[in-house]
Amino acid sequence: MIVALIGALRRYPAAVRWGLLAAGLLAAFGLPWVLYPPVAADILCWGLFAVAFDLLLGHAGLLSFGHAAFWGTSAYATGLIALHSELPFYVAVLGGAAAAALLAAPIGFLTVRRSGIYFAMVTLAFAQMVYFTANQWEDVTGGENGLQGIPRNLPGIDPTDSFVFYYAILPVVLLGLGAAWRIVRSPFGRVVAAVRENPDRVRALGYPVDRYKLVVFVVSAFLSGLAGGLYAVNHGFASLQEVYWTTSGKVVVMTVLGGIGTLWGSLIGAAAVVRLEDWLSTAGFEETGLVTGGVFIVAVLVFRRGVWGTLAHMLRSGRTPGTPEPEPHLQHDHDDTAQRVPS
């Protein structure tokens, strides 16, 4: 029966896509009914952050170890705007995302000329500079105490209710996810995918490779900042943890767990990690990193393409769960269409 179902799904790819979209929207709207609303909001924020990171890693082939700089910068900027003005928190979050994009522009300009481990290390170095700046600039960031009491201003509703706040930020997250999907499917996204596969050939065709890398870097930072600002408003504070290197590592784990290059798999990875950490903390277990790390290792060994990537590969190839799997390669969510650089 399962094999027949997989075969039926393969014969109706459009129906599968619409069905998965409907299921995803249903899950998004129903999440605060089955989980504590602040935890559900955290899943949205981390999910958007992971998708933004996958836009850079999975589709541009650039591994950043410093994306916490943009998540955290937006958290602080959002907090400062919200604390020192009576503007709706939507404006504060957009301001924080803009600040993250402005920070990403010079960092990206200096880093996109590197690749591989060199790119990763340079981004980590810049992120640590942001961390020490936030730690030392106490008059603005609050130093080790962070920014406390970030308000949720939104005329017309009561966003202090965590249930209401979830549905207030849901449209912003959906817009961010929609923007990421559209970028991947656009001609710009095709060029970025080609740069990932063979930058020398793309450069020979006359495309400014470094410029495309810089743009996708800044866009990824903007979406990361959007998520970081929402996270700060959700918790009512911004701390040094938001710009610490472990935050960058956490989003890497989420992306790999869901499936690099799958875009939507990042949402699954984020939901799994956030829910597991919440369950362990409420159970009184302090070494949450030990358990999440163990789960990550097991998942990578069993689902070598990530959870979503493995499922997508099974549907494409018609394999059953017990069939030996060949050596994996990155399977991107737009590989089902012609892969060519736009002329």
C-alpha atoms as a PDB file:
ATOM      1  CA  MET A   1       0.000   0.000   0.000  1.00  0.00           C
ATOM      2  CA  ILE A   2       2.840   2.413   0.870  1.00  0.00           C
ATOM      3  CA  VAL A   3       4.639   1.577  -2.395  1.00  0.00           C
ATOM      4  CA  ALA A   4       1.417   2.197  -4.340  1.00  0.00           C
ATOM      5  CA  LEU A   5       0.957   5.530  -2.543  1.00  0.00           C
ATOM      6  CA  ILE A   6       4.501   6.613  -3.407  1.00  0.00           C
ATOM      7  CA  GLY A   7       3.905   5.641  -7.022  1.00  0.00           C
ATOM      8  CA  ALA A   8       0.660   7.620  -7.102  1.00  0.00           C
ATOM      9  CA  LEU A   9       2.388  10.665  -5.644  1.00  0.00           C
ATOM     10  CA  ARG A  10       5.092  10.474  -8.297  1.00  0.00           C
ATOM     11  CA  ARG A  11       2.459  10.480 -11.050  1.00  0.00           C
ATOM     12  CA  TYR A  12       0.844  13.649  -9.687  1.00  0.00           C
ATOM     13  CA  PRO A  13       3.671  16.036  -8.770  1.00  0.00           C
ATOM     14  CA  ALA A  14       1.473  19.132  -8.989  1.00  0.00           C
ATOM     15  CA  ALA A  15      -1.114  17.615  -6.671  1.00  0.00           C
ATOM     16  CA  VAL A  16       1.639  16.690  -4.241  1.00  0.00           C
ATOM     17  CA  ARG A  17       2.969  20.233  -4.230  1.00  0.00           C
ATOM     18  CA  TRP A  18      -0.432  21.781  -3.590  1.00  0.00           C
ATOM     19  CA  GLY A  19      -1.196  19.158  -0.979  1.00  0.00           C
ATOM     20  CA  LEU A  20       2.044  19.830   0.856  1.00  0.00           C
ATOM     21  CA  LEU A  21       1.396  23.571   0.667  1.00  0.00           C
ATOM     22  CA  ALA A  22      -2.064  23.128   2.151  1.00  0.00           C
ATOM     23  CA  ALA A  23      -0.690  20.854   4.873  1.00  0.00           C
ATOM     24  CA  GLY A  24       2.035  23.370   5.684  1.00  0.00           C
ATOM     25  CA  LEU A  25      -0.409  26.261   5.951  1.00  0.00           C
ATOM     26  CA  LEU A  26      -2.740  24.159   8.083  1.00  0.00           C
ATOM     27  CA  ALA A  27       0.143  23.275  10.388  1.00  0.00           C
ATOM     28  CA  ALA A  28       1.205  26.934  10.604  1.00  0.00           C
ATOM     29  CA  PHE A  29      -2.279  28.132  11.542  1.00  0.00           C
ATOM     30  CA  GLY A  30      -2.879  25.295  13.987  1.00  0.00           C
ATOM     31  CA  LEU A  31       0.515  25.300  15.707  1.00  0.00           C
ATOM     32  CA  PRO A  32      -0.393  27.511  18.713  1.00  0.00           C
ATOM     33  CA  TRP A  33      -3.367  25.233  19.428  1.00  0.00           C
ATOM     34  CA  VAL A  34      -1.096  22.240  20.056  1.00  0.00           C
ATOM     35  CA  LEU A  35       1.999  23.997  21.441  1.00  0.00           C
ATOM     36  CA  TYR A  36       2.596  26.772  23.935  1.00  0.00           C
ATOM     37  CA  PRO A  37       2.146  29.920  21.746  1.00  0.00           C
ATOM     38  CA  PRO A  38       5.577  31.478  22.558  1.00  0.00           C
ATOM     39  CA  VAL A  39       7.234  28.179  21.569  1.00  0.00           C
ATOM     40  CA  ALA A  40       5.177  28.109  18.378  1.00  0.00           C
ATOM     41  CA  ALA A  41       6.328  31.670  17.637  1.00  0.00           C
ATOM     42  CA  ASP A  42       9.932  30.593  18.240  1.00  0.00           C
ATOM     43  CA  ILE A  43       9.477  27.852  15.648  1.00  0.00           C
ATOM     44  CA  LEU A  44       8.333  30.468  13.133  1.00  0.00           C
ATOM     45  CA  CYS A  45      11.321  32.721  13.871  1.00  0.00           C
ATOM     46  CA  TRP A  46      13.929  29.970  13.772  1.00  0.00           C
ATOM     47  CA  GLY A  47      12.267  28.450  10.712  1.00  0.00           C
ATOM     48  CA  LEU A  48      12.561  31.710   8.782  1.00  0.00           C
ATOM     49  CA  PHE A  49      16.160  32.062   9.979  1.00  0.00           C
ATOM     50  CA  ALA A  50      16.999  28.553   8.770  1.00  0.00           C
ATOM     51  CA  VAL A  51      15.356  29.160   5.381  1.00  0.00           C
ATOM     52  CA  ALA A  52      17.339  32.398   5.007  1.00  0.00           C
ATOM     53  CA  PHE A  53      20.511  30.506   5.852  1.00  0.00           C
ATOM     54  CA  ASP A  54      19.685  27.722   3.386  1.00  0.00           C
ATOM     55  CA  LEU A  55      19.231  30.361   0.713  1.00  0.00           C
ATOM     56  CA  LEU A  56      22.929  31.108   1.157  1.00  0.00           C
ATOM     57  CA  LEU A  57      24.270  27.619   1.882  1.00  0.00           C
ATOM     58  CA  GLY A  58      22.076  25.334  -0.185  1.00  0.00           C
ATOM     59  CA  HIS A  59      21.460  27.545  -3.205  1.00  0.00           C
ATOM     60  CA  ALA A  60      24.574  29.721  -3.364  1.00  0.00           C
ATOM     61  CA  GLY A  61      26.990  27.175  -1.904  1.00  0.00           C
ATOM     62  CA  LEU A  62      28.341  29.581   0.724  1.00  0.00           C
ATOM     63  CA  LEU A  63      28.743  28.234   4.258  1.00  0.00           C
ATOM     64  CA  SER A  64      28.585  31.065   6.782  1.00  0.00           C
ATOM     65  CA  PHE A  65      29.595  30.582  10.405  1.00  0.00           C
ATOM     66  CA  GLY A  66      28.642  34.165  11.230  1.00  0.00           C
ATOM     67  CA  HIS A  67      24.940  34.523  10.506  1.00  0.00           C
ATOM     68  CA  ALA A  68      24.281  35.197  14.181  1.00  0.00           C
ATOM     69  CA  ALA A  69      25.673  38.677  13.494  1.00  0.00           C
ATOM     70  CA  PHE A  70      22.627  39.519  11.359  1.00  0.00           C
ATOM     71  CA  TRP A  71      20.093  37.753  13.568  1.00  0.00           C
ATOM     72  CA  GLY A  72      21.501  39.508  16.648  1.00  0.00           C
ATOM     73  CA  THR A  73      22.045  42.924  15.055  1.00  0.00           C
ATOM     74  CA  SER A  74      18.420  42.979  14.020  1.00  0.00           C
ATOM     75  CA  ALA A  75      17.348  41.871  17.507  1.00  0.00           C
ATOM     76  CA  TYR A  76      19.201  44.809  19.078  1.00  0.00           C
ATOM     77  CA  ALA A  77      18.093  47.312  16.424  1.00  0.00           C
ATOM     78  CA  THR A  78      14.484  46.169  16.717  1.00  0.00           C
ATOM     79  CA  GLY A  79      14.649  46.495  20.492  1.00  0.00           C
ATOM     80  CA  LEU A  80      16.113  49.979  20.344  1.00  0.00           C
ATOM     81  CA  ILE A  81      13.474  51.193  17.884  1.00  0.00           C
ATOM     82  CA  ALA A  82      10.654  49.659  19.915  1.00  0.00           C
ATOM     83  CA  LEU A  83      11.992  51.005  23.221  1.00  0.00           C
ATOM     84  CA  HIS A  84      12.581  54.563  22.034  1.00  0.00           C
ATOM     85  CA  SER A  85       9.484  55.045  19.909  1.00  0.00           C
ATOM     86  CA  GLU A  86       5.818  54.157  19.942  1.00  0.00           C
ATOM     87  CA  LEU A  87       5.874  52.736  16.432  1.00  0.00           C
ATOM     88  CA  PRO A  88       4.177  49.394  15.715  1.00  0.00           C
ATOM     89  CA  PHE A  89       6.521  46.474  16.191  1.00  0.00           C
ATOM     90  CA  TYR A  90       6.219  45.727  12.443  1.00  0.00           C
ATOM     91  CA  VAL A  91       8.156  48.944  11.767  1.00  0.00           C
ATOM     92  CA  ALA A  92      10.730  48.068  14.430  1.00  0.00           C
ATOM     93  CA  VAL A  93      11.257  44.621  12.925  1.00  0.00           C
ATOM     94  CA  LEU A  94      11.649  46.042   9.416  1.00  0.00           C
ATOM     95  CA  GLY A  95      14.139  48.554  10.801  1.00  0.00           C
ATOM     96  CA  GLY A  96      16.095  45.743  12.417  1.00  0.00           C
ATOM     97  CA  ALA A  97      16.110  43.739   9.185  1.00  0.00           C
ATOM     98  CA  ALA A  98      17.337  46.821   7.307  1.00  0.00           C
ATOM     99  CA  ALA A  99      20.135  47.237   9.857  1.00  0.00           C
ATOM    100  CA  ALA A 100      21.138  43.605   9.310  1.00  0.00           C
ATOM    101  CA  ALA A 101      21.211  44.122   5.541  1.00  0.00           C
ATOM    102  CA  LEU A 102      23.311  47.291   5.918  1.00  0.00           C
ATOM    103  CA  LEU A 103      25.786  45.390   8.076  1.00  0.00           C
ATOM    104  CA  ALA A 104      25.868  42.523   5.570  1.00  0.00           C
ATOM    105  CA  ALA A 105      26.769  44.767   2.635  1.00  0.00           C
ATOM    106  CA  PRO A 106      30.373  45.597   3.680  1.00  0.00           C
ATOM    107  CA  ILE A 107      30.905  42.166   5.254  1.00  0.00           C
ATOM    108  CA  GLY A 108      29.704  40.459   2.085  1.00  0.00           C
ATOM    109  CA  PHE A 109      31.801  42.740  -0.107  1.00  0.00           C
ATOM    110  CA  LEU A 110      34.911  41.587   1.749  1.00  0.00           C
ATOM    111  CA  THR A 111      33.995  37.902   2.042  1.00  0.00           C
ATOM    112  CA  VAL A 112      32.354  36.783  -1.220  1.00  0.00           C
ATOM    113  CA  ARG A 113      35.718  36.752  -2.949  1.00  0.00           C
ATOM    114  CA  ARG A 114      36.584  33.792  -0.749  1.00  0.00           C
ATOM    115  CA  SER A 115      35.052  30.330  -0.838  1.00  0.00           C
ATOM    116  CA  GLY A 116      34.903  27.151   1.196  1.00  0.00           C
ATOM    117  CA  ILE A 117      36.462  27.157   4.641  1.00  0.00           C
ATOM    118  CA  TYR A 118      38.030  30.569   4.045  1.00  0.00           C
ATOM    119  CA  PHE A 119      34.598  32.150   3.546  1.00  0.00           C
ATOM    120  CA  ALA A 120      33.284  30.382   6.654  1.00  0.00           C
ATOM    121  CA  MET A 121      36.185  31.538   8.833  1.00  0.00           C
ATOM    122  CA  VAL A 122      36.027  35.153   7.654  1.00  0.00           C
ATOM    123  CA  THR A 123      32.292  35.352   8.369  1.00  0.00           C
ATOM    124  CA  LEU A 124      32.931  33.862  11.814  1.00  0.00           C
ATOM    125  CA  ALA A 125      35.593  36.502  12.477  1.00  0.00           C
ATOM    126  CA  PHE A 126      33.211  39.329  11.566  1.00  0.00           C
ATOM    127  CA  ALA A 127      30.492  37.805  13.741  1.00  0.00           C
ATOM    128  CA  GLN A 128      32.845  37.730  16.710  1.00  0.00           C
ATOM    129  CA  MET A 129      33.626  41.401  16.105  1.00  0.00           C
ATOM    130  CA  VAL A 130      29.888  42.117  16.304  1.00  0.00           C
ATOM    131  CA  TYR A 131      29.669  40.083  19.506  1.00  0.00           C
ATOM    132  CA  PHE A 132      32.472  42.002  21.224  1.00  0.00           C
ATOM    133  CA  THR A 133      31.015  45.309  20.033  1.00  0.00           C
ATOM    134  CA  ALA A 134      27.652  44.414  21.564  1.00  0.00           C
ATOM    135  CA  ASN A 135      29.374  43.338  24.766  1.00  0.00           C
ATOM    136  CA  GLN A 136      31.420  46.523  25.143  1.00  0.00           C
ATOM    137  CA  TRP A 137      28.874  49.093  23.913  1.00  0.00           C
ATOM    138  CA  GLU A 138      26.890  48.966  27.147  1.00  0.00           C
ATOM    139  CA  ASP A 139      25.261  52.380  26.762  1.00  0.00           C
ATOM    140  CA  VAL A 140      23.424  51.148  23.664  1.00  0.00           C
ATOM    141  CA  THR A 141      23.165  47.370  23.922  1.00  0.00           C
ATOM    142  CA  GLY A 142      23.075  46.981  27.702  1.00  0.00           C
ATOM    143  CA  GLY A 143      26.204  44.826  27.636  1.00  0.00           C
ATOM    144  CA  GLU A 144      25.795  41.579  29.547  1.00  0.00           C
ATOM    145  CA  ASN A 145      22.325  42.620  30.702  1.00  0.00           C
ATOM    146  CA  GLY A 146      21.048  43.135  27.169  1.00  0.00           C
ATOM    147  CA  LEU A 147      17.937  45.091  26.246  1.00  0.00           C
ATOM    148  CA  GLN A 148      15.034  44.378  28.588  1.00  0.00           C
ATOM    149  CA  GLY A 149      11.316  45.033  28.241  1.00  0.00           C
ATOM    150  CA  ILE A 150      11.043  45.314  24.463  1.00  0.00           C
ATOM    151  CA  PRO A 151       7.369  46.256  23.886  1.00  0.00           C
ATOM    152  CA  ARG A 152       4.888  44.815  21.423  1.00  0.00           C
ATOM    153  CA  ASN A 153       3.178  47.932  20.115  1.00  0.00           C
ATOM    154  CA  LEU A 154       0.423  47.280  17.590  1.00  0.00           C
ATOM    155  CA  PRO A 155      -2.654  49.535  17.482  1.00  0.00           C
ATOM    156  CA  GLY A 156      -6.010  47.831  17.259  1.00  0.00           C
ATOM    157  CA  ILE A 157      -5.123  44.509  18.901  1.00  0.00           C
ATOM    158  CA  ASP A 158      -3.585  43.242  22.102  1.00  0.00           C
ATOM    159  CA  PRO A 159      -0.234  41.714  21.044  1.00  0.00           C
ATOM    160  CA  THR A 160       0.712  41.170  24.681  1.00  0.00           C
ATOM    161  CA  ASP A 161      -1.471  38.075  24.416  1.00  0.00           C
ATOM    162  CA  SER A 162       0.974  35.436  23.154  1.00  0.00           C
ATOM    163  CA  PHE A 163      -1.793  33.684  21.219  1.00  0.00           C
ATOM    164  CA  VAL A 164      -2.697  36.902  19.381  1.00  0.00           C
ATOM    165  CA  PHE A 165       0.966  37.759  18.848  1.00  0.00           C
ATOM    166  CA  TYR A 166       1.575  34.455  17.060  1.00  0.00           C
ATOM    167  CA  TYR A 167      -1.024  35.284  14.432  1.00  0.00           C
ATOM    168  CA  ALA A 168       0.307  38.840  14.229  1.00  0.00           C
ATOM    169  CA  ILE A 169       3.774  37.657  13.173  1.00  0.00           C
ATOM    170  CA  LEU A 170       2.590  34.749  11.007  1.00  0.00           C
ATOM    171  CA  PRO A 171       1.937  36.935   7.904  1.00  0.00           C
ATOM    172  CA  VAL A 172       5.430  38.432   8.187  1.00  0.00           C
ATOM    173  CA  VAL A 173       7.004  34.991   8.325  1.00  0.00           C
ATOM    174  CA  LEU A 174       4.907  33.750   5.406  1.00  0.00           C
ATOM    175  CA  LEU A 175       5.945  36.776   3.341  1.00  0.00           C
ATOM    176  CA  GLY A 176       9.579  36.052   4.149  1.00  0.00           C
ATOM    177  CA  LEU A 177       9.204  32.414   3.157  1.00  0.00           C
ATOM    178  CA  GLY A 178       7.401  33.414  -0.020  1.00  0.00           C
ATOM    179  CA  ALA A 179      10.197  35.829  -0.887  1.00  0.00           C
ATOM    180  CA  ALA A 180      12.815  33.090  -0.424  1.00  0.00           C
ATOM    181  CA  TRP A 181      10.827  30.708  -2.633  1.00  0.00           C
ATOM    182  CA  ARG A 182      10.398  33.349  -5.341  1.00  0.00           C
ATOM    183  CA  ILE A 183      14.111  34.177  -5.302  1.00  0.00           C
ATOM    184  CA  VAL A 184      15.029  30.526  -5.790  1.00  0.00           C
ATOM    185  CA  ARG A 185      12.576  30.201  -8.696  1.00  0.00           C
ATOM    186  CA  SER A 186      13.542  33.477 -10.382  1.00  0.00           C
ATOM    187  CA  PRO A 187      16.133  33.967 -13.143  1.00  0.00           C
ATOM    188  CA  PHE A 188      18.362  35.480 -10.468  1.00  0.00           C
ATOM    189  CA  GLY A 189      18.067  32.243  -8.495  1.00  0.00           C
ATOM    190  CA  ARG A 190      19.008  30.215 -11.583  1.00  0.00           C
ATOM    191  CA  VAL A 191      22.183  32.243 -11.989  1.00  0.00           C
ATOM    192  CA  VAL A 192      22.997  31.787  -8.290  1.00  0.00           C
ATOM    193  CA  ALA A 193      22.509  28.016  -8.655  1.00  0.00           C
ATOM    194  CA  ALA A 194      24.808  28.043 -11.676  1.00  0.00           C
ATOM    195  CA  VAL A 195      27.410  29.983  -9.697  1.00  0.00           C
ATOM    196  CA  ARG A 196      27.229  27.295  -7.024  1.00  0.00           C
ATOM    197  CA  GLU A 197      27.865  24.548  -9.577  1.00  0.00           C
ATOM    198  CA  ASN A 198      30.475  26.184 -11.807  1.00  0.00           C
ATOM    199  CA  PRO A 199      31.439  29.810 -11.108  1.00  0.00           C
ATOM    200  CA  ASP A 200      34.158  29.844 -13.778  1.00  0.00           C
ATOM    201  CA  ARG A 201      31.699  28.934 -16.522  1.00  0.00           C
ATOM    202  CA  VAL A 202      29.200  31.538 -15.320  1.00  0.00           C
ATOM    203  CA  ARG A 203      31.954  34.134 -15.253  1.00  0.00           C
ATOM    204  CA  ALA A 204      32.927  33.161 -18.812  1.00  0.00           C
ATOM    205  CA  LEU A 205      29.325  33.788 -19.891  1.00  0.00           C
ATOM    206  CA  GLY A 206      29.674  37.377 -18.706  1.00  0.00           C
ATOM    207  CA  TYR A 207      27.873  37.277 -15.371  1.00  0.00           C
ATOM    208  CA  PRO A 208      29.428  39.188 -12.442  1.00  0.00           C
ATOM    209  CA  VAL A 209      29.769  36.231 -10.071  1.00  0.00           C
ATOM    210  CA  ASP A 210      30.883  38.203  -7.028  1.00  0.00           C
ATOM    211  CA  ARG A 211      27.996  40.627  -7.446  1.00  0.00           C
ATOM    212  CA  TYR A 212      25.461  37.802  -7.470  1.00  0.00           C
ATOM    213  CA  LYS A 213      27.059  36.307  -4.370  1.00  0.00           C
ATOM    214  CA  LEU A 214      26.934  39.670  -2.621  1.00  0.00           C
ATOM    215  CA  VAL A 215      23.259  40.196  -3.430  1.00  0.00           C
ATOM    216  CA  VAL A 216      22.212  36.756  -2.163  1.00  0.00           C
ATOM    217  CA  PHE A 217      24.359  37.312   0.934  1.00  0.00           C
ATOM    218  CA  VAL A 218      22.584  40.588   1.711  1.00  0.00           C
ATOM    219  CA  VAL A 219      19.143  39.108   0.994  1.00  0.00           C
ATOM    220  CA  SER A 220      19.898  36.185   3.298  1.00  0.00           C
ATOM    221  CA  ALA A 221      20.998  38.650   5.991  1.00  0.00           C
ATOM    222  CA  PHE A 222      17.803  40.692   5.563  1.00  0.00           C
ATOM    223  CA  LEU A 223      15.574  37.637   6.005  1.00  0.00           C
ATOM    224  CA  SER A 224      17.717  36.511   8.946  1.00  0.00           C
ATOM    225  CA  GLY A 225      17.268  39.962  10.462  1.00  0.00           C
ATOM    226  CA  LEU A 226      13.526  39.760   9.932  1.00  0.00           C
ATOM    227  CA  ALA A 227      13.506  36.538  11.946  1.00  0.00           C
ATOM    228  CA  GLY A 228      15.828  37.939  14.626  1.00  0.00           C
ATOM    229  CA  GLY A 229      13.670  41.023  15.136  1.00  0.00           C
ATOM    230  CA  LEU A 230      10.527  38.928  15.545  1.00  0.00           C
ATOM    231  CA  TYR A 231      12.363  36.692  17.999  1.00  0.00           C
ATOM    232  CA  ALA A 232      13.420  39.691  20.110  1.00  0.00           C
ATOM    233  CA  VAL A 233       9.878  41.072  20.218  1.00  0.00           C
ATOM    234  CA  ASN A 234       8.504  37.620  21.050  1.00  0.00           C
ATOM    235  CA  HIS A 235      10.771  37.295  24.104  1.00  0.00           C
ATOM    236  CA  GLY A 236      10.821  40.964  25.058  1.00  0.00           C
ATOM    237  CA  PHE A 237      14.610  41.161  25.245  1.00  0.00           C
ATOM    238  CA  ALA A 238      17.793  41.003  23.172  1.00  0.00           C
ATOM    239  CA  SER A 239      20.918  39.505  24.726  1.00  0.00           C
ATOM    240  CA  LEU A 240      24.475  38.630  23.809  1.00  0.00           C
ATOM    241  CA  GLN A 241      23.300  35.107  23.072  1.00  0.00           C
ATOM    242  CA  GLU A 242      21.726  36.413  19.869  1.00  0.00           C
ATOM    243  CA  VAL A 243      25.134  37.396  18.437  1.00  0.00           C
ATOM    244  CA  TYR A 244      27.154  34.525  19.922  1.00  0.00           C
ATOM    245  CA  TRP A 245      28.738  31.935  17.639  1.00  0.00           C
ATOM    246  CA  THR A 246      26.576  29.122  19.035  1.00  0.00           C
ATOM    247  CA  THR A 247      23.551  30.771  17.412  1.00  0.00           C
ATOM    248  CA  SER A 248      25.271  30.460  14.040  1.00  0.00           C
ATOM    249  CA  GLY A 249      26.006  26.811  14.803  1.00  0.00           C
ATOM    250  CA  LYS A 250      22.410  26.184  15.789  1.00  0.00           C
ATOM    251  CA  VAL A 251      21.028  27.387  12.465  1.00  0.00           C
ATOM    252  CA  VAL A 252      23.566  25.218  10.638  1.00  0.00           C
ATOM    253  CA  VAL A 253      22.292  22.183  12.572  1.00  0.00           C
ATOM    254  CA  MET A 254      18.688  23.036  11.685  1.00  0.00           C
ATOM    255  CA  THR A 255      19.483  23.404   7.985  1.00  0.00           C
ATOM    256  CA  VAL A 256      21.501  20.199   7.733  1.00  0.00           C
ATOM    257  CA  LEU A 257      18.909  18.284   9.749  1.00  0.00           C
ATOM    258  CA  GLY A 258      16.101  19.345   7.428  1.00  0.00           C
ATOM    259  CA  GLY A 259      18.119  19.006   4.240  1.00  0.00           C
ATOM    260  CA  ILE A 260      20.608  21.378   2.605  1.00  0.00           C
ATOM    261  CA  GLY A 261      19.208  22.982  -0.520  1.00  0.00           C
ATOM    262  CA  THR A 262      15.619  21.888   0.103  1.00  0.00           C
ATOM    263  CA  LEU A 263      14.534  25.271   1.520  1.00  0.00           C
ATOM    264  CA  TRP A 264      11.403  23.865   3.199  1.00  0.00           C
ATOM    265  CA  GLY A 265      13.404  21.189   4.973  1.00  0.00           C
ATOM    266  CA  SER A 266      14.899  23.962   7.088  1.00  0.00           C
ATOM    267  CA  LEU A 267      11.461  24.537   8.615  1.00  0.00           C
ATOM    268  CA  ILE A 268      11.297  20.904   9.687  1.00  0.00           C
ATOM    269  CA  GLY A 269      14.798  21.061  11.149  1.00  0.00           C
ATOM    270  CA  ALA A 270      13.990  24.250  13.048  1.00  0.00           C
ATOM    271  CA  ALA A 271      10.746  22.848  14.418  1.00  0.00           C
ATOM    272  CA  ALA A 272      12.477  19.648  15.548  1.00  0.00           C
ATOM    273  CA  VAL A 273      15.319  21.434  17.336  1.00  0.00           C
ATOM    274  CA  VAL A 274      13.133  24.078  19.028  1.00  0.00           C
ATOM    275  CA  ARG A 275      10.574  21.520  20.161  1.00  0.00           C
ATOM    276  CA  LEU A 276      13.241  19.141  21.470  1.00  0.00           C
ATOM    277  CA  GLU A 277      14.991  21.915  23.409  1.00  0.00           C
ATOM    278  CA  ASP A 278      11.698  23.065  24.890  1.00  0.00           C
ATOM    279  CA  TRP A 279      10.748  19.535  25.925  1.00  0.00           C
ATOM    280  CA  LEU A 280      14.158  18.906  27.522  1.00  0.00           C
ATOM    281  CA  SER A 281      14.170  22.228  29.393  1.00  0.00           C
ATOM    282  CA  THR A 282      10.661  21.726  30.776  1.00  0.00           C
ATOM    283  CA  ALA A 283      11.688  18.222  31.849  1.00  0.00           C
ATOM    284  CA  GLY A 284      14.503  19.758  33.909  1.00  0.00           C
ATOM    285  CA  PHE A 285      17.330  18.355  31.771  1.00  0.00           C
ATOM    286  CA  GLU A 286      20.178  20.879  31.635  1.00  0.00           C
ATOM    287  CA  GLU A 287      22.499  19.328  29.036  1.00  0.00           C
ATOM    288  CA  THR A 288      20.205  19.977  26.088  1.00  0.00           C
ATOM    289  CA  GLY A 289      23.133  20.386  23.710  1.00  0.00           C
ATOM    290  CA  LEU A 290      24.252  16.819  24.415  1.00  0.00           C
ATOM    291  CA  VAL A 291      20.872  15.386  23.377  1.00  0.00           C
ATOM    292  CA  THR A 292      20.321  17.642  20.376  1.00  0.00           C
ATOM    293  CA  GLY A 293      23.850  16.902  19.179  1.00  0.00           C
ATOM    294  CA  GLY A 294      23.230  13.176  19.487  1.00  0.00           C
ATOM    295  CA  VAL A 295      19.959  13.437  17.598  1.00  0.00           C
ATOM    296  CA  PHE A 296      21.718  15.475  14.916  1.00  0.00           C
ATOM    297  CA  ILE A 297      24.435  12.839  14.466  1.00  0.00           C
ATOM    298  CA  VAL A 298      21.924  10.001  14.240  1.00  0.00           C
ATOM    299  CA  ALA A 299      19.726  11.930  11.808  1.00  0.00           C
ATOM    300  CA  VAL A 300      22.678  12.745   9.553  1.00  0.00           C
ATOM    301  CA  LEU A 301      23.751   9.081   9.513  1.00  0.00           C
ATOM    302  CA  VAL A 302      20.243   7.779   8.801  1.00  0.00           C
ATOM    303  CA  PHE A 303      18.931  10.627   6.623  1.00  0.00           C
ATOM    304  CA  ARG A 304      22.039  11.547   4.670  1.00  0.00           C
ATOM    305  CA  ARG A 305      20.175  14.197   2.680  1.00  0.00           C
ATOM    306  CA  GLY A 306      18.324  15.491   5.715  1.00  0.00           C
ATOM    307  CA  VAL A 307      14.776  14.589   6.667  1.00  0.00           C
ATOM    308  CA  TRP A 308      13.017  16.510   3.914  1.00  0.00           C
ATOM    309  CA  GLY A 309      15.732  15.809   1.333  1.00  0.00           C
ATOM    310  CA  THR A 310      15.536  12.056   1.953  1.00  0.00           C
ATOM    311  CA  LEU A 311      11.748  12.052   1.617  1.00  0.00           C
ATOM    312  CA  ALA A 312      11.901  14.090  -1.597  1.00  0.00           C
ATOM    313  CA  HIS A 313      14.532  11.743  -3.030  1.00  0.00           C
ATOM    314  CA  MET A 314      12.392   8.701  -2.226  1.00  0.00           C
ATOM    315  CA  LEU A 315       9.409  10.237  -4.003  1.00  0.00           C
ATOM    316  CA  ARG A 316      11.471  11.128  -7.060  1.00  0.00           C
ATOM    317  CA  SER A 317      13.238   7.768  -7.388  1.00  0.00           C
ATOM    318  CA  GLY A 318      10.440   5.511  -6.186  1.00  0.00           C
ATOM    319  CA  ARG A 319      12.678   3.895  -3.589  1.00  0.00           C
ATOM    320  CA  THR A 320      11.216   2.208  -0.534  1.00  0.00           C
ATOM    321  CA  PRO A 321      12.672   2.834   2.933  1.00  0.00           C
ATOM    322  CA  GLY A 322      14.530  -0.500   2.977  1.00  0.00           C
ATOM    323  CA  THR A 323      16.331  -0.057  -0.328  1.00  0.00           C
ATOM    324  CA  PRO A 324      20.076   0.751  -0.130  1.00  0.00           C
ATOM    325  CA  GLU A 325      20.730   4.370  -0.983  1.00  0.00           C
ATOM    326  CA  PRO A 326      23.527   5.515  -3.304  1.00  0.00           C
ATOM    327  CA  GLU A 327      26.014   8.159  -2.278  1.00  0.00           C
ATOM    328  CA  PRO A 328      24.000  11.366  -1.872  1.00  0.00           C
ATOM    329  CA  HIS A 329      24.452  14.663  -3.624  1.00  0.00           C
ATOM    330  CA  LEU A 330      22.718  17.947  -3.000  1.00  0.00           C
ATOM    331  CA  GLN A 331      19.145  17.777  -4.271  1.00  0.00           C
ATOM    332  CA  HIS A 332      17.671  21.237  -4.549  1.00  0.00           C
ATOM    333  CA  ASP A 333      14.011  22.062  -4.552  1.00  0.00           C
ATOM    334  CA  HIS A 334      14.215  23.487  -8.058  1.00  0.00           C
ATOM    335  CA  ASP A 335      16.099  20.554  -9.637  1.00  0.00           C
ATOM    336  CA  ASP A 336      12.877  19.310 -11.236  1.00  0.00           C
ATOM    337  CA  THR A 337      13.058  22.090 -13.818  1.00  0.00           C
ATOM    338  CA  ALA A 338      15.617  22.826 -16.487  1.00  0.00           C
ATOM    339  CA  GLN A 339      18.888  23.972 -14.981  1.00  0.00           C
ATOM    340  CA  ARG A 340      20.291  26.611 -17.272  1.00  0.00           C
ATOM    341  CA  VAL A 341      21.637  30.089 -16.874  1.00  0.00           C
ATOM    342  CA  PRO A 342      19.196  32.683 -18.247  1.00  0.00           C
ATOM    343  CA  SER A 343      20.426  34.289 -21.420  1.00  0.00           C
END
